[in-house]
Amino acid sequence: MANFFEDLLITKKLSFEPGKITLMHQRELITSALFFAEYSMRINDDQQRLRELYDAAKTSYRTGTAANLGKNYAISRDDLLQWMTNLAVLSGWGVLKWLNYMEERKSGVVE
């Protein structure tokens, strides 16, 4: 994972300025994992709110990060999946492994 981080810094795809973090031309945020755990616990019994959180995360990656990568860096679908997996691991979401990816639906399951 260190190589992925170093590559981002060396190629200036990741930058830090006072009050601003930019990754691949997009503003990013570092926050505590406890925030998401706490929020998830609070809405755990409300399937509608859980679905909204899932949809918001999916949409933000699709229209933000994935679209940005496609527009600015023209990478393949396989490279995009690997890049997104590396980014999720670097961001602290755990060690991820794709169990199933459905090209026609542009969705998949990670473990």
Protein backbone atom coordinates (compact mmCIF):
# COMPACT_ATOMS: atom_id res chain seq x y z
CA MET A 1 0.00 0.00 0.00
CA ALA A 2 2.95 2.32 0.59
CA ASN A 3 3.79 2.15 -3.12
CA PHE A 4 0.27 3.25 -4.06
CA PHE A 5 0.48 6.23 -1.69
CA GLU A 6 3.98 7.14 -2.87
CA ASP A 7 2.90 6.94 -6.51
CA LEU A 8 0.04 9.34 -5.80
CA LEU A 9 2.41 11.83 -4.16
CA ILE A 10 5.17 11.53 -6.75
CA THR A 11 2.80 12.00 -9.68
CA LYS A 12 1.12 14.92 -7.87
CA LYS A 13 -2.25 13.18 -7.95
CA LEU A 14 -2.46 13.71 -4.18
CA SER A 15 -1.73 17.06 -2.61
CA PHE A 16 -2.03 18.64 0.80
CA GLU A 17 -2.50 22.37 1.30
CA PRO A 18 -3.62 24.23 4.43
CA GLY A 19 -7.26 23.23 4.88
CA LYS A 20 -7.43 21.29 1.62
CA ILE A 21 -6.68 17.74 0.46
CA THR A 22 -6.94 17.04 -3.27
CA LEU A 23 -6.89 13.59 -4.86
CA MET A 24 -7.05 13.31 -8.63
CA HIS A 25 -8.46 16.85 -9.01
CA GLN A 26 -11.15 16.22 -6.38
CA ARG A 27 -11.45 17.56 -2.82
CA GLU A 28 -11.22 14.85 -0.19
CA LEU A 29 -11.83 14.60 3.52
CA ILE A 30 -10.12 12.63 6.26
CA THR A 31 -12.51 11.73 9.04
CA SER A 32 -12.71 9.19 11.82
CA ALA A 33 -14.10 5.76 11.04
CA LEU A 34 -15.99 6.14 14.32
CA PHE A 35 -18.22 8.74 12.62
CA PHE A 36 -19.49 6.19 10.07
CA ALA A 37 -19.81 3.47 12.70
CA GLU A 38 -21.81 5.75 14.97
CA TYR A 39 -24.04 6.99 12.16
CA SER A 40 -24.66 3.45 10.91
CA MET A 41 -25.62 2.29 14.40
CA ARG A 42 -28.08 5.18 14.74
CA ILE A 43 -29.86 4.39 11.47
CA ASN A 44 -29.47 0.61 11.64
CA ASP A 45 -33.19 -0.02 12.16
CA ASP A 46 -34.31 2.38 9.42
CA GLN A 47 -33.95 0.55 6.10
CA GLN A 48 -34.86 3.68 4.13
CA ARG A 49 -32.04 5.73 5.70
CA LEU A 50 -29.58 2.86 5.27
CA ARG A 51 -30.53 2.65 1.59
CA GLU A 52 -30.09 6.42 1.22
CA LEU A 53 -26.60 6.22 2.77
CA TYR A 54 -25.66 3.36 0.43
CA ASP A 55 -27.06 5.20 -2.61
CA ALA A 56 -25.25 8.42 -1.66
CA ALA A 57 -21.93 6.57 -1.33
CA LYS A 58 -22.45 4.75 -4.62
CA THR A 59 -23.48 7.90 -6.49
CA SER A 60 -20.62 9.99 -5.09
CA TYR A 61 -18.06 7.44 -6.28
CA ARG A 62 -19.72 6.95 -9.66
CA THR A 63 -20.26 10.63 -10.48
CA GLY A 64 -17.22 11.93 -8.60
CA THR A 65 -14.17 9.74 -8.31
CA ALA A 66 -14.88 7.22 -11.08
CA ALA A 67 -16.05 9.88 -13.56
CA ASN A 68 -13.04 12.04 -12.73
CA LEU A 69 -10.65 9.16 -13.33
CA GLY A 70 -12.30 8.28 -16.61
CA LYS A 71 -12.29 11.87 -17.84
CA ASN A 72 -8.79 12.87 -16.76
CA TYR A 73 -6.88 9.61 -16.96
CA ALA A 74 -8.72 7.31 -19.43
CA ILE A 75 -8.12 4.09 -17.50
CA SER A 76 -9.68 0.70 -18.19
CA ARG A 77 -12.51 -0.76 -16.11
CA ASP A 78 -10.13 -3.31 -14.56
CA ASP A 79 -7.61 -0.61 -13.68
CA LEU A 80 -10.42 1.53 -12.24
CA LEU A 81 -11.59 -1.34 -10.01
CA GLN A 82 -8.04 -1.95 -8.83
CA TRP A 83 -7.47 1.76 -8.22
CA MET A 84 -10.73 2.11 -6.26
CA THR A 85 -9.85 -0.98 -4.21
CA ASN A 86 -6.39 0.42 -3.43
CA LEU A 87 -7.91 3.77 -2.49
CA ALA A 88 -10.45 2.13 -0.16
CA VAL A 89 -7.68 0.15 1.55
CA LEU A 90 -5.50 3.26 1.85
CA SER A 91 -8.49 5.16 3.28
CA GLY A 92 -8.88 2.62 6.07
CA TRP A 93 -11.93 0.67 4.91
CA GLY A 94 -10.09 -2.60 5.49
CA VAL A 95 -8.49 -5.15 3.19
CA LEU A 96 -10.93 -5.62 0.34
CA LYS A 97 -11.37 -8.45 -2.14
CA TRP A 98 -13.84 -8.47 -5.05
CA LEU A 99 -16.11 -11.49 -4.78
CA ASN A 100 -18.29 -10.66 -7.74
CA TYR A 101 -18.33 -7.93 -10.34
CA MET A 102 -21.17 -7.69 -12.85
CA GLU A 103 -20.05 -5.65 -15.85
CA GLU A 104 -23.57 -5.25 -17.24
CA ARG A 105 -24.80 -3.72 -13.95
CA LYS A 106 -21.53 -1.92 -13.19
CA SER A 107 -21.73 -3.21 -9.65
CA GLY A 108 -20.12 -5.85 -7.51
CA VAL A 109 -19.61 -7.24 -4.06
CA VAL A 110 -16.49 -6.78 -1.99
CA GLU A 111 -15.46 -8.65 1.11
